[in-house]
Amino acid sequence: MKRTLVSLAVLFLFSLSSAVVFGQETTAQDLAVRVDKARVTFDEFQQDPRMTWFRKNVRYAKGLLIMPNFVKGGFFVGGSIGKGVLMAQDKDGQWSHPAFYDVVSGSVGLQFGVGAGEVILMIMTDTGLRRFLRDKFQLGADASIGVGPDGVGAKAEIFDIFSFARVKGLFAGLSVEGGGVVVNRDDNRTYYGTVDVTPRDILLRRSVGNKQADPLVQALTKASR
């Protein structure tokens, strides 16, 4: 029975992801739209009165993974998918151009409904940022993750990563713990027009760039001052 449920979870996740991951080929224009949406999402988080802790701590973040569209669905079995852009901040407060990542997970259990929203992962440690330089890793297993504090008097425990979400839908929240983070090499190649580009090239070496992302870089730089 358990094996059957797991198989159903995988099938559900596949169907949920097919339109996002296995649909038509992603173009440079599609990625530019995603980067623009990431800027809008970041601005909305900055303006949200519940995100006081988020606003105050952006300047201390090692990086931000911004997912303008994070979708979760379930009917006993479920899954979640987010496609986002990761920016890294150096010790001088300068933000990198974006690297493209996918976050995917499946689950089995009592769950109903569909939820959609925006999620930002705030990376607070060097360990957390190093995990993103791998081809893939699991949130919660390879890097500790906690729900981001909200409100003026919020206090935070020490985690490698904090998750912040703005949610719509029948689910009470969008949890990314246990999700697999995967570098989207195809999207990175398409956006930068370079065959061998890696997250390290984009985030640390900063040997590639795309002026289309400048408004997003500027928004994060302004918020970090």
N, C-alpha and C. Protein backbone atom coordinates (compact mmCIF):
# COMPACT_ATOMS: atom_id res chain seq x y z
N MET A 1 0.83 -1.21 0.00
CA MET A 1 0.00 0.00 0.00
C MET A 1 0.87 1.26 0.00
N LYS A 2 1.89 1.24 0.87
CA LYS A 2 2.78 2.41 0.95
C LYS A 2 3.49 2.63 -0.37
N ARG A 3 3.92 1.51 -0.99
CA ARG A 3 4.62 1.63 -2.27
C ARG A 3 3.69 2.23 -3.33
N THR A 4 2.42 1.85 -3.28
CA THR A 4 1.43 2.38 -4.23
C THR A 4 1.26 3.88 -4.04
N LEU A 5 1.19 4.30 -2.78
CA LEU A 5 1.02 5.73 -2.50
C LEU A 5 2.22 6.53 -2.95
N VAL A 6 3.41 5.98 -2.74
CA VAL A 6 4.61 6.66 -3.18
C VAL A 6 4.60 6.80 -4.70
N SER A 7 4.18 5.73 -5.38
CA SER A 7 4.10 5.79 -6.85
C SER A 7 3.11 6.85 -7.30
N LEU A 8 1.98 6.94 -6.60
CA LEU A 8 1.00 7.96 -6.93
C LEU A 8 1.56 9.36 -6.69
N ALA A 9 2.36 9.50 -5.63
CA ALA A 9 2.97 10.80 -5.35
C ALA A 9 3.91 11.21 -6.48
N VAL A 10 4.67 10.25 -6.96
CA VAL A 10 5.59 10.54 -8.06
C VAL A 10 4.81 10.92 -9.31
N LEU A 11 3.72 10.17 -9.60
CA LEU A 11 2.90 10.48 -10.78
C LEU A 11 2.26 11.86 -10.65
N PHE A 12 1.80 12.19 -9.44
CA PHE A 12 1.20 13.51 -9.24
C PHE A 12 2.22 14.61 -9.45
N LEU A 13 3.40 14.39 -8.90
CA LEU A 13 4.46 15.39 -9.04
C LEU A 13 4.83 15.56 -10.50
N PHE A 14 4.89 14.44 -11.23
CA PHE A 14 5.23 14.52 -12.65
C PHE A 14 4.18 15.33 -13.40
N SER A 15 2.90 15.08 -13.12
CA SER A 15 1.85 15.81 -13.82
C SER A 15 1.86 17.28 -13.45
N LEU A 16 2.17 17.56 -12.18
CA LEU A 16 2.25 18.95 -11.73
C LEU A 16 3.39 19.68 -12.40
N SER A 17 4.48 18.96 -12.61
CA SER A 17 5.68 19.60 -13.16
C SER A 17 5.70 19.64 -14.68
N SER A 18 4.84 18.85 -15.32
CA SER A 18 4.95 18.72 -16.77
C SER A 18 4.77 20.04 -17.48
N ALA A 19 3.84 20.85 -16.99
CA ALA A 19 3.61 22.13 -17.66
C ALA A 19 4.74 23.11 -17.39
N VAL A 20 5.44 22.91 -16.26
CA VAL A 20 6.48 23.84 -15.87
C VAL A 20 7.85 23.41 -16.36
N VAL A 21 8.15 22.10 -16.17
CA VAL A 21 9.49 21.62 -16.45
C VAL A 21 9.61 20.98 -17.83
N PHE A 22 8.57 20.21 -18.21
CA PHE A 22 8.67 19.43 -19.43
C PHE A 22 7.83 20.01 -20.56
N GLY A 23 7.46 21.24 -20.46
CA GLY A 23 6.68 21.88 -21.50
C GLY A 23 7.59 22.37 -22.62
N GLN A 24 7.13 23.40 -23.31
CA GLN A 24 7.92 23.91 -24.43
C GLN A 24 9.24 24.48 -23.93
N GLU A 25 10.20 24.54 -24.81
CA GLU A 25 11.55 24.99 -24.46
C GLU A 25 11.53 26.42 -23.92
N THR A 26 12.25 26.62 -22.84
CA THR A 26 12.33 27.94 -22.22
C THR A 26 13.23 28.85 -23.04
N THR A 27 12.74 30.02 -23.40
CA THR A 27 13.51 30.96 -24.21
C THR A 27 14.15 32.03 -23.34
N ALA A 28 15.04 32.79 -23.94
CA ALA A 28 15.67 33.90 -23.22
C ALA A 28 14.63 34.91 -22.76
N GLN A 29 13.59 35.11 -23.58
CA GLN A 29 12.53 36.04 -23.20
C GLN A 29 11.75 35.51 -21.99
N ASP A 30 11.50 34.20 -21.94
CA ASP A 30 10.83 33.61 -20.78
C ASP A 30 11.63 33.87 -19.51
N LEU A 31 12.94 33.71 -19.61
CA LEU A 31 13.80 33.90 -18.44
C LEU A 31 13.86 35.37 -18.03
N ALA A 32 13.84 36.26 -19.01
CA ALA A 32 13.81 37.69 -18.70
C ALA A 32 12.53 38.04 -17.94
N VAL A 33 11.43 37.44 -18.34
CA VAL A 33 10.16 37.66 -17.64
C VAL A 33 10.26 37.15 -16.21
N ARG A 34 10.89 35.98 -16.03
CA ARG A 34 11.04 35.43 -14.68
C ARG A 34 11.88 36.35 -13.80
N VAL A 35 12.94 36.92 -14.36
CA VAL A 35 13.79 37.84 -13.61
C VAL A 35 13.01 39.09 -13.23
N ASP A 36 12.21 39.61 -14.16
CA ASP A 36 11.38 40.78 -13.86
C ASP A 36 10.37 40.46 -12.76
N LYS A 37 9.77 39.27 -12.81
CA LYS A 37 8.81 38.88 -11.78
C LYS A 37 9.50 38.72 -10.43
N ALA A 38 10.74 38.26 -10.45
CA ALA A 38 11.50 38.13 -9.21
C ALA A 38 11.69 39.50 -8.56
N ARG A 39 11.95 40.51 -9.38
CA ARG A 39 12.10 41.88 -8.85
C ARG A 39 10.78 42.34 -8.23
N VAL A 40 9.67 42.08 -8.90
CA VAL A 40 8.36 42.47 -8.38
C VAL A 40 8.08 41.75 -7.06
N THR A 41 8.39 40.45 -7.02
CA THR A 41 8.20 39.68 -5.78
C THR A 41 9.03 40.25 -4.65
N PHE A 42 10.30 40.55 -4.91
CA PHE A 42 11.15 41.13 -3.87
C PHE A 42 10.59 42.45 -3.38
N ASP A 43 10.15 43.31 -4.28
CA ASP A 43 9.58 44.60 -3.89
C ASP A 43 8.33 44.40 -3.02
N GLU A 44 7.51 43.41 -3.36
CA GLU A 44 6.30 43.16 -2.58
C GLU A 44 6.63 42.65 -1.18
N PHE A 45 7.66 41.82 -1.07
CA PHE A 45 8.09 41.38 0.25
C PHE A 45 8.61 42.56 1.06
N GLN A 46 9.32 43.45 0.42
CA GLN A 46 9.85 44.63 1.10
C GLN A 46 8.74 45.52 1.64
N GLN A 47 7.61 45.56 0.95
CA GLN A 47 6.51 46.43 1.33
C GLN A 47 5.52 45.77 2.28
N ASP A 48 5.61 44.45 2.43
CA ASP A 48 4.67 43.71 3.27
C ASP A 48 4.95 44.02 4.75
N PRO A 49 3.95 44.50 5.50
CA PRO A 49 4.17 44.84 6.91
C PRO A 49 4.55 43.65 7.78
N ARG A 50 4.26 42.43 7.32
CA ARG A 50 4.62 41.24 8.09
C ARG A 50 6.09 40.87 7.95
N MET A 51 6.78 41.49 6.99
CA MET A 51 8.14 41.09 6.64
C MET A 51 9.19 42.02 7.25
N THR A 52 8.94 42.51 8.46
CA THR A 52 9.88 43.42 9.12
C THR A 52 11.25 42.77 9.29
N TRP A 53 11.27 41.53 9.79
CA TRP A 53 12.54 40.82 10.01
C TRP A 53 13.26 40.61 8.69
N PHE A 54 12.52 40.27 7.67
CA PHE A 54 13.09 40.08 6.33
C PHE A 54 13.79 41.35 5.87
N ARG A 55 13.10 42.47 5.95
CA ARG A 55 13.67 43.75 5.50
C ARG A 55 14.94 44.11 6.26
N LYS A 56 14.92 43.89 7.58
CA LYS A 56 16.06 44.29 8.41
C LYS A 56 17.28 43.40 8.20
N ASN A 57 17.07 42.20 7.67
CA ASN A 57 18.18 41.25 7.59
C ASN A 57 18.65 40.94 6.18
N VAL A 58 18.07 41.56 5.19
CA VAL A 58 18.55 41.38 3.81
C VAL A 58 20.03 41.73 3.72
N ARG A 59 20.44 42.76 4.42
CA ARG A 59 21.83 43.21 4.34
C ARG A 59 22.82 42.17 4.88
N TYR A 60 22.33 41.26 5.72
CA TYR A 60 23.21 40.23 6.29
C TYR A 60 23.16 38.91 5.53
N ALA A 61 22.30 38.83 4.54
CA ALA A 61 22.12 37.57 3.81
C ALA A 61 23.30 37.28 2.89
N LYS A 62 23.66 36.01 2.80
CA LYS A 62 24.67 35.57 1.84
C LYS A 62 24.05 35.45 0.45
N GLY A 63 22.75 35.22 0.40
CA GLY A 63 22.09 35.09 -0.88
C GLY A 63 20.58 35.02 -0.71
N LEU A 64 19.86 35.20 -1.82
CA LEU A 64 18.41 35.08 -1.86
C LEU A 64 18.01 34.24 -3.06
N LEU A 65 17.18 33.23 -2.83
CA LEU A 65 16.56 32.49 -3.92
C LEU A 65 15.12 32.95 -3.99
N ILE A 66 14.78 33.66 -5.07
CA ILE A 66 13.45 34.27 -5.22
C ILE A 66 12.64 33.44 -6.20
N MET A 67 11.50 32.91 -5.73
CA MET A 67 10.62 32.11 -6.58
C MET A 67 9.28 32.84 -6.72
N PRO A 68 9.06 33.53 -7.84
CA PRO A 68 7.82 34.28 -8.03
C PRO A 68 6.59 33.38 -8.13
N ASN A 69 6.79 32.13 -8.58
CA ASN A 69 5.68 31.19 -8.71
C ASN A 69 6.06 29.86 -8.06
N PHE A 70 5.47 29.62 -6.88
CA PHE A 70 5.69 28.35 -6.18
C PHE A 70 4.33 27.70 -6.03
N VAL A 71 4.18 26.50 -6.56
CA VAL A 71 2.87 25.83 -6.62
C VAL A 71 2.91 24.53 -5.85
N LYS A 72 1.87 24.30 -5.05
CA LYS A 72 1.74 23.05 -4.30
C LYS A 72 0.33 22.54 -4.49
N GLY A 73 0.20 21.23 -4.71
CA GLY A 73 -1.12 20.64 -4.86
C GLY A 73 -1.15 19.26 -4.27
N GLY A 74 -2.35 18.79 -3.87
CA GLY A 74 -2.42 17.46 -3.31
C GLY A 74 -3.83 16.93 -3.18
N PHE A 75 -3.96 15.63 -3.34
CA PHE A 75 -5.17 14.90 -3.01
C PHE A 75 -4.70 13.56 -2.47
N PHE A 76 -4.38 13.50 -1.18
CA PHE A 76 -3.68 12.42 -0.48
C PHE A 76 -2.20 12.38 -0.86
N VAL A 77 -1.90 12.45 -2.16
CA VAL A 77 -0.50 12.56 -2.57
C VAL A 77 -0.31 13.94 -3.17
N GLY A 78 0.88 14.47 -3.06
CA GLY A 78 1.06 15.84 -3.53
C GLY A 78 2.48 16.14 -3.93
N GLY A 79 2.66 17.36 -4.36
CA GLY A 79 3.98 17.81 -4.76
C GLY A 79 4.03 19.31 -4.82
N SER A 80 5.22 19.83 -4.93
CA SER A 80 5.39 21.28 -5.04
C SER A 80 6.53 21.57 -5.99
N ILE A 81 6.39 22.68 -6.70
CA ILE A 81 7.39 23.08 -7.68
C ILE A 81 7.57 24.59 -7.62
N GLY A 82 8.83 25.02 -7.61
CA GLY A 82 9.15 26.44 -7.72
C GLY A 82 10.33 26.62 -8.65
N LYS A 83 10.23 27.62 -9.51
CA LYS A 83 11.34 27.95 -10.40
C LYS A 83 11.78 29.36 -10.04
N GLY A 84 13.06 29.51 -9.70
CA GLY A 84 13.48 30.80 -9.19
C GLY A 84 14.87 31.21 -9.61
N VAL A 85 15.28 32.37 -9.10
CA VAL A 85 16.60 32.91 -9.40
C VAL A 85 17.34 33.15 -8.09
N LEU A 86 18.61 32.79 -8.07
CA LEU A 86 19.45 32.96 -6.88
C LEU A 86 20.45 34.08 -7.11
N MET A 87 20.53 34.99 -6.14
CA MET A 87 21.50 36.08 -6.15
C MET A 87 22.38 35.92 -4.91
N ALA A 88 23.67 36.20 -5.05
CA ALA A 88 24.60 36.12 -3.92
C ALA A 88 25.16 37.50 -3.62
N GLN A 89 25.36 37.77 -2.33
CA GLN A 89 25.90 39.06 -1.88
C GLN A 89 27.32 38.86 -1.36
N ASP A 90 28.26 39.68 -1.84
CA ASP A 90 29.63 39.56 -1.35
C ASP A 90 29.84 40.42 -0.10
N LYS A 91 31.05 40.40 0.45
CA LYS A 91 31.33 41.10 1.70
C LYS A 91 31.25 42.61 1.58
N ASP A 92 31.27 43.12 0.34
CA ASP A 92 31.15 44.56 0.11
C ASP A 92 29.72 44.99 -0.16
N GLY A 93 28.78 44.04 -0.05
CA GLY A 93 27.38 44.37 -0.26
C GLY A 93 26.97 44.43 -1.72
N GLN A 94 27.79 43.86 -2.60
CA GLN A 94 27.47 43.83 -4.02
C GLN A 94 26.77 42.52 -4.36
N TRP A 95 25.67 42.61 -5.09
CA TRP A 95 24.89 41.44 -5.44
C TRP A 95 25.25 40.95 -6.85
N SER A 96 25.25 39.64 -7.01
CA SER A 96 25.54 39.02 -8.30
C SER A 96 24.34 39.10 -9.23
N HIS A 97 24.56 38.73 -10.48
CA HIS A 97 23.45 38.50 -11.39
C HIS A 97 22.84 37.14 -11.06
N PRO A 98 21.66 36.83 -11.58
CA PRO A 98 20.93 35.63 -11.13
C PRO A 98 21.40 34.33 -11.75
N ALA A 99 21.36 33.28 -10.94
CA ALA A 99 21.51 31.90 -11.41
C ALA A 99 20.14 31.22 -11.26
N PHE A 100 19.82 30.34 -12.18
CA PHE A 100 18.48 29.75 -12.23
C PHE A 100 18.45 28.38 -11.56
N TYR A 101 17.43 28.19 -10.70
CA TYR A 101 17.28 26.95 -9.93
C TYR A 101 15.82 26.51 -9.93
N ASP A 102 15.62 25.19 -9.70
CA ASP A 102 14.29 24.62 -9.50
C ASP A 102 14.25 23.99 -8.12
N VAL A 103 13.10 24.09 -7.45
CA VAL A 103 12.88 23.42 -6.17
C VAL A 103 11.67 22.50 -6.34
N VAL A 104 11.87 21.19 -6.13
CA VAL A 104 10.82 20.20 -6.39
C VAL A 104 10.73 19.23 -5.22
N SER A 105 9.50 18.89 -4.81
CA SER A 105 9.34 17.89 -3.76
C SER A 105 8.02 17.16 -3.95
N GLY A 106 7.92 15.96 -3.37
CA GLY A 106 6.69 15.18 -3.37
C GLY A 106 6.39 14.72 -1.96
N SER A 107 5.12 14.37 -1.69
CA SER A 107 4.74 13.97 -0.34
C SER A 107 3.55 13.02 -0.39
N VAL A 108 3.41 12.23 0.67
CA VAL A 108 2.29 11.31 0.82
C VAL A 108 1.69 11.56 2.20
N GLY A 109 0.34 11.64 2.28
CA GLY A 109 -0.30 11.88 3.56
C GLY A 109 -1.65 12.53 3.36
N LEU A 110 -2.29 12.87 4.47
CA LEU A 110 -3.61 13.48 4.42
C LEU A 110 -3.47 14.94 4.02
N GLN A 111 -3.82 15.27 2.78
CA GLN A 111 -3.68 16.63 2.28
C GLN A 111 -4.64 16.84 1.13
N PHE A 112 -5.24 18.00 1.10
CA PHE A 112 -6.18 18.35 0.06
C PHE A 112 -5.97 19.80 -0.34
N GLY A 113 -6.21 20.09 -1.59
CA GLY A 113 -6.19 21.48 -2.01
C GLY A 113 -5.04 21.85 -2.89
N VAL A 114 -5.07 23.09 -3.31
CA VAL A 114 -4.02 23.64 -4.16
C VAL A 114 -3.61 24.98 -3.59
N GLY A 115 -2.33 25.23 -3.55
CA GLY A 115 -1.83 26.51 -3.07
C GLY A 115 -0.82 27.07 -4.03
N ALA A 116 -0.81 28.36 -4.17
CA ALA A 116 0.18 29.02 -5.02
C ALA A 116 0.63 30.28 -4.31
N GLY A 117 1.86 30.63 -4.53
CA GLY A 117 2.35 31.84 -3.89
C GLY A 117 3.74 32.18 -4.31
N GLU A 118 4.34 33.10 -3.56
CA GLU A 118 5.70 33.55 -3.81
C GLU A 118 6.55 33.12 -2.61
N VAL A 119 7.73 32.61 -2.88
CA VAL A 119 8.62 32.16 -1.81
C VAL A 119 10.01 32.75 -2.02
N ILE A 120 10.60 33.21 -0.94
CA ILE A 120 12.00 33.65 -0.96
C ILE A 120 12.76 32.89 0.11
N LEU A 121 13.86 32.26 -0.30
CA LEU A 121 14.76 31.62 0.65
C LEU A 121 15.91 32.58 0.93
N MET A 122 16.08 32.93 2.20
CA MET A 122 17.16 33.82 2.62
C MET A 122 18.30 32.97 3.17
N ILE A 123 19.44 32.99 2.49
CA ILE A 123 20.59 32.18 2.87
C ILE A 123 21.46 33.00 3.82
N MET A 124 21.67 32.48 5.04
CA MET A 124 22.31 33.27 6.08
C MET A 124 23.73 32.84 6.39
N THR A 125 24.17 31.69 5.90
CA THR A 125 25.50 31.20 6.24
C THR A 125 26.29 30.84 4.99
N ASP A 126 27.62 30.79 5.14
CA ASP A 126 28.47 30.35 4.03
C ASP A 126 28.17 28.89 3.68
N THR A 127 27.87 28.09 4.71
CA THR A 127 27.52 26.70 4.46
C THR A 127 26.29 26.59 3.58
N GLY A 128 25.28 27.39 3.89
CA GLY A 128 24.07 27.38 3.07
C GLY A 128 24.34 27.77 1.64
N LEU A 129 25.16 28.80 1.43
CA LEU A 129 25.46 29.24 0.07
C LEU A 129 26.26 28.19 -0.68
N ARG A 130 27.19 27.53 0.01
CA ARG A 130 27.99 26.49 -0.65
C ARG A 130 27.13 25.34 -1.17
N ARG A 131 26.05 25.05 -0.46
CA ARG A 131 25.18 23.96 -0.91
C ARG A 131 24.61 24.27 -2.30
N PHE A 132 24.35 25.54 -2.57
CA PHE A 132 23.77 25.92 -3.85
C PHE A 132 24.78 25.82 -5.00
N LEU A 133 26.04 25.64 -4.68
CA LEU A 133 27.04 25.47 -5.72
C LEU A 133 27.10 24.03 -6.22
N ARG A 134 26.39 23.12 -5.53
CA ARG A 134 26.26 21.75 -6.00
C ARG A 134 25.22 21.69 -7.11
N ASP A 135 25.22 20.58 -7.85
CA ASP A 135 24.20 20.38 -8.86
C ASP A 135 22.82 20.24 -8.23
N LYS A 136 22.78 19.60 -7.04
CA LYS A 136 21.51 19.43 -6.34
C LYS A 136 21.77 19.13 -4.87
N PHE A 137 20.79 19.47 -4.03
CA PHE A 137 20.87 19.14 -2.61
C PHE A 137 19.47 19.19 -2.04
N GLN A 138 19.31 18.72 -0.80
CA GLN A 138 18.00 18.66 -0.17
C GLN A 138 17.91 19.64 0.98
N LEU A 139 16.88 20.45 0.96
CA LEU A 139 16.63 21.40 2.04
C LEU A 139 16.24 20.65 3.30
N GLY A 140 16.88 21.00 4.41
CA GLY A 140 16.60 20.34 5.67
C GLY A 140 17.54 19.20 5.97
N ALA A 141 18.04 18.54 4.94
CA ALA A 141 18.98 17.44 5.13
C ALA A 141 20.41 17.90 4.93
N ASP A 142 20.66 18.61 3.83
CA ASP A 142 22.01 19.08 3.53
C ASP A 142 22.25 20.51 4.03
N ALA A 143 21.19 21.21 4.34
CA ALA A 143 21.30 22.57 4.89
C ALA A 143 20.07 22.80 5.76
N SER A 144 20.29 23.32 6.99
CA SER A 144 19.16 23.53 7.89
C SER A 144 18.30 24.68 7.41
N ILE A 145 16.99 24.51 7.56
CA ILE A 145 16.06 25.54 7.09
C ILE A 145 14.96 25.75 8.12
N GLY A 146 14.57 27.00 8.32
CA GLY A 146 13.50 27.34 9.24
C GLY A 146 12.55 28.33 8.60
N VAL A 147 11.36 28.41 9.16
CA VAL A 147 10.38 29.37 8.68
C VAL A 147 10.82 30.76 9.11
N GLY A 148 10.84 31.68 8.18
CA GLY A 148 11.31 33.03 8.46
C GLY A 148 10.43 33.73 9.49
N PRO A 149 11.04 34.39 10.46
CA PRO A 149 10.27 35.14 11.46
C PRO A 149 9.51 36.29 10.80
N ASP A 150 8.39 36.67 11.39
CA ASP A 150 7.67 37.85 10.90
C ASP A 150 7.33 38.76 12.07
N GLY A 151 7.01 40.00 11.74
CA GLY A 151 6.66 40.96 12.77
C GLY A 151 7.85 41.76 13.27
N VAL A 152 7.54 42.82 14.00
CA VAL A 152 8.56 43.75 14.47
C VAL A 152 9.47 43.13 15.52
N GLY A 153 8.88 42.37 16.45
CA GLY A 153 9.68 41.83 17.55
C GLY A 153 10.14 40.41 17.33
N ALA A 154 10.16 39.97 16.09
CA ALA A 154 10.49 38.58 15.80
C ALA A 154 11.92 38.25 16.20
N LYS A 155 12.09 37.04 16.74
CA LYS A 155 13.42 36.54 17.07
C LYS A 155 13.68 35.28 16.25
N ALA A 156 14.89 35.14 15.79
CA ALA A 156 15.22 34.02 14.91
C ALA A 156 16.22 33.08 15.56
N GLU A 157 16.00 31.77 15.37
CA GLU A 157 17.02 30.78 15.71
C GLU A 157 18.06 30.78 14.59
N ILE A 158 19.13 30.03 14.80
CA ILE A 158 20.18 29.97 13.79
C ILE A 158 19.90 28.84 12.80
N PHE A 159 19.68 29.21 11.56
CA PHE A 159 19.52 28.25 10.46
C PHE A 159 20.41 28.70 9.31
N ASP A 160 20.74 27.74 8.45
CA ASP A 160 21.48 28.12 7.24
C ASP A 160 20.59 28.94 6.31
N ILE A 161 19.31 28.61 6.30
CA ILE A 161 18.37 29.21 5.35
C ILE A 161 17.05 29.50 6.07
N PHE A 162 16.44 30.63 5.76
CA PHE A 162 15.09 30.93 6.22
C PHE A 162 14.16 30.98 5.01
N SER A 163 12.94 30.48 5.18
CA SER A 163 11.95 30.48 4.12
C SER A 163 10.84 31.48 4.44
N PHE A 164 10.56 32.37 3.51
CA PHE A 164 9.48 33.35 3.64
C PHE A 164 8.49 33.13 2.51
N ALA A 165 7.20 33.17 2.82
CA ALA A 165 6.19 32.89 1.80
C ALA A 165 5.01 33.85 1.91
N ARG A 166 4.48 34.19 0.76
CA ARG A 166 3.20 34.90 0.64
C ARG A 166 2.29 33.96 -0.15
N VAL A 167 1.19 33.53 0.50
CA VAL A 167 0.45 32.37 0.00
C VAL A 167 -0.98 32.72 -0.40
N LYS A 168 -1.44 32.03 -1.47
CA LYS A 168 -2.84 32.04 -1.87
C LYS A 168 -3.26 30.59 -2.07
N GLY A 169 -4.54 30.28 -1.80
CA GLY A 169 -5.01 28.92 -2.04
C GLY A 169 -5.53 28.25 -0.79
N LEU A 170 -5.83 26.96 -0.89
CA LEU A 170 -6.46 26.23 0.20
C LEU A 170 -5.48 25.70 1.23
N PHE A 171 -4.20 25.57 0.86
CA PHE A 171 -3.22 25.14 1.84
C PHE A 171 -2.92 26.29 2.80
N ALA A 172 -2.68 25.94 4.06
CA ALA A 172 -2.38 26.98 5.05
C ALA A 172 -1.03 27.62 4.79
N GLY A 173 -0.13 26.89 4.17
CA GLY A 173 1.20 27.43 3.93
C GLY A 173 1.92 26.64 2.86
N LEU A 174 3.05 27.15 2.46
CA LEU A 174 3.88 26.47 1.47
C LEU A 174 5.22 26.14 2.12
N SER A 175 5.42 24.89 2.46
CA SER A 175 6.66 24.47 3.09
C SER A 175 7.61 23.93 2.04
N VAL A 176 8.86 24.36 2.12
CA VAL A 176 9.86 23.87 1.16
C VAL A 176 10.82 22.89 1.81
N GLU A 177 10.67 22.64 3.13
CA GLU A 177 11.57 21.70 3.79
C GLU A 177 11.45 20.32 3.17
N GLY A 178 12.57 19.70 2.90
CA GLY A 178 12.58 18.40 2.25
C GLY A 178 12.61 18.48 0.74
N GLY A 179 12.45 19.68 0.21
CA GLY A 179 12.49 19.85 -1.23
C GLY A 179 13.88 19.71 -1.80
N GLY A 180 13.96 19.24 -3.02
CA GLY A 180 15.23 19.13 -3.69
C GLY A 180 15.53 20.37 -4.51
N VAL A 181 16.70 20.95 -4.32
CA VAL A 181 17.13 22.13 -5.07
C VAL A 181 18.05 21.66 -6.20
N VAL A 182 17.72 22.05 -7.43
CA VAL A 182 18.47 21.59 -8.59
C VAL A 182 18.89 22.78 -9.44
N VAL A 183 20.15 22.83 -9.81
CA VAL A 183 20.62 23.88 -10.74
C VAL A 183 19.98 23.64 -12.11
N ASN A 184 19.40 24.67 -12.69
CA ASN A 184 18.84 24.54 -14.03
C ASN A 184 19.89 25.00 -15.03
N ARG A 185 20.71 24.07 -15.46
CA ARG A 185 21.83 24.40 -16.34
C ARG A 185 21.36 24.93 -17.69
N ASP A 186 20.26 24.38 -18.19
CA ASP A 186 19.75 24.84 -19.49
C ASP A 186 19.34 26.30 -19.43
N ASP A 187 18.64 26.68 -18.34
CA ASP A 187 18.21 28.08 -18.20
C ASP A 187 19.42 29.01 -18.06
N ASN A 188 20.43 28.59 -17.32
CA ASN A 188 21.62 29.42 -17.16
C ASN A 188 22.33 29.62 -18.50
N ARG A 189 22.44 28.55 -19.27
CA ARG A 189 23.07 28.66 -20.59
C ARG A 189 22.29 29.59 -21.50
N THR A 190 20.97 29.43 -21.49
CA THR A 190 20.12 30.25 -22.36
C THR A 190 20.20 31.72 -21.99
N TYR A 191 20.17 32.02 -20.69
CA TYR A 191 20.13 33.41 -20.25
C TYR A 191 21.45 34.13 -20.51
N TYR A 192 22.55 33.41 -20.32
CA TYR A 192 23.86 34.05 -20.47
C TYR A 192 24.53 33.75 -21.81
N GLY A 193 23.93 32.87 -22.60
CA GLY A 193 24.48 32.57 -23.92
C GLY A 193 25.85 31.93 -23.88
N THR A 194 26.13 31.21 -22.80
CA THR A 194 27.44 30.57 -22.62
C THR A 194 27.23 29.10 -22.28
N VAL A 195 27.85 28.23 -23.01
CA VAL A 195 27.61 26.80 -22.87
C VAL A 195 28.03 26.26 -21.51
N ASP A 196 29.19 26.65 -21.02
CA ASP A 196 29.77 26.04 -19.83
C ASP A 196 29.57 26.85 -18.54
N VAL A 197 28.63 27.78 -18.52
CA VAL A 197 28.46 28.62 -17.34
C VAL A 197 27.98 27.79 -16.15
N THR A 198 28.53 28.06 -14.97
CA THR A 198 28.17 27.36 -13.73
C THR A 198 27.69 28.36 -12.69
N PRO A 199 26.99 27.90 -11.63
CA PRO A 199 26.61 28.81 -10.56
C PRO A 199 27.82 29.54 -9.95
N ARG A 200 28.95 28.86 -9.86
CA ARG A 200 30.15 29.51 -9.32
C ARG A 200 30.59 30.68 -10.20
N ASP A 201 30.50 30.49 -11.53
CA ASP A 201 30.84 31.57 -12.46
C ASP A 201 29.93 32.78 -12.26
N ILE A 202 28.64 32.51 -12.03
CA ILE A 202 27.65 33.58 -11.92
C ILE A 202 27.69 34.25 -10.55
N LEU A 203 27.70 33.44 -9.49
CA LEU A 203 27.50 33.95 -8.14
C LEU A 203 28.78 34.41 -7.46
N LEU A 204 29.90 33.73 -7.70
CA LEU A 204 31.15 34.04 -7.01
C LEU A 204 32.18 34.71 -7.92
N ARG A 205 32.50 34.06 -9.03
CA ARG A 205 33.49 34.66 -9.94
C ARG A 205 32.91 35.87 -10.66
N ARG A 206 31.62 35.83 -10.92
CA ARG A 206 30.91 36.92 -11.62
C ARG A 206 31.55 37.21 -12.97
N SER A 207 31.87 36.13 -13.66
CA SER A 207 32.53 36.23 -14.96
C SER A 207 31.55 36.38 -16.11
N VAL A 208 30.25 36.28 -15.81
CA VAL A 208 29.22 36.49 -16.83
C VAL A 208 28.19 37.46 -16.27
N GLY A 209 27.43 38.07 -17.14
CA GLY A 209 26.39 39.00 -16.72
C GLY A 209 25.38 39.21 -17.82
N ASN A 210 24.24 39.77 -17.44
CA ASN A 210 23.19 40.10 -18.38
C ASN A 210 22.53 41.39 -17.90
N LYS A 211 22.64 42.44 -18.69
CA LYS A 211 22.14 43.75 -18.29
C LYS A 211 20.64 43.74 -17.99
N GLN A 212 19.95 42.76 -18.55
CA GLN A 212 18.50 42.69 -18.30
C GLN A 212 18.20 42.53 -16.82
N ALA A 213 19.14 41.96 -16.07
CA ALA A 213 18.94 41.72 -14.63
C ALA A 213 19.34 42.93 -13.78
N ASP A 214 19.84 43.99 -14.38
CA ASP A 214 20.32 45.13 -13.60
C ASP A 214 19.26 45.71 -12.65
N PRO A 215 17.99 45.86 -13.08
CA PRO A 215 16.99 46.39 -12.13
C PRO A 215 16.82 45.52 -10.89
N LEU A 216 16.91 44.21 -11.04
CA LEU A 216 16.83 43.31 -9.88
C LEU A 216 18.04 43.47 -8.99
N VAL A 217 19.23 43.55 -9.58
CA VAL A 217 20.45 43.75 -8.81
C VAL A 217 20.37 45.07 -8.04
N GLN A 218 19.89 46.11 -8.69
CA GLN A 218 19.79 47.42 -8.06
C GLN A 218 18.79 47.41 -6.91
N ALA A 219 17.68 46.69 -7.06
CA ALA A 219 16.68 46.61 -6.00
C ALA A 219 17.26 45.96 -4.75
N LEU A 220 18.03 44.87 -4.93
CA LEU A 220 18.64 44.19 -3.78
C LEU A 220 19.74 45.04 -3.17
N THR A 221 20.50 45.73 -4.01
CA THR A 221 21.58 46.60 -3.50
C THR A 221 21.00 47.72 -2.65
N LYS A 222 19.93 48.33 -3.12
CA LYS A 222 19.29 49.43 -2.38
C LYS A 222 18.77 48.93 -1.04
N ALA A 223 18.18 47.72 -1.02
CA ALA A 223 17.61 47.19 0.21
C ALA A 223 18.67 46.79 1.22
N SER A 224 19.90 46.59 0.76
CA SER A 224 20.98 46.12 1.64
C SER A 224 21.75 47.26 2.30
N ARG A 225 21.47 48.48 1.93
CA ARG A 225 22.21 49.62 2.49
C ARG A 225 21.75 49.96 3.89
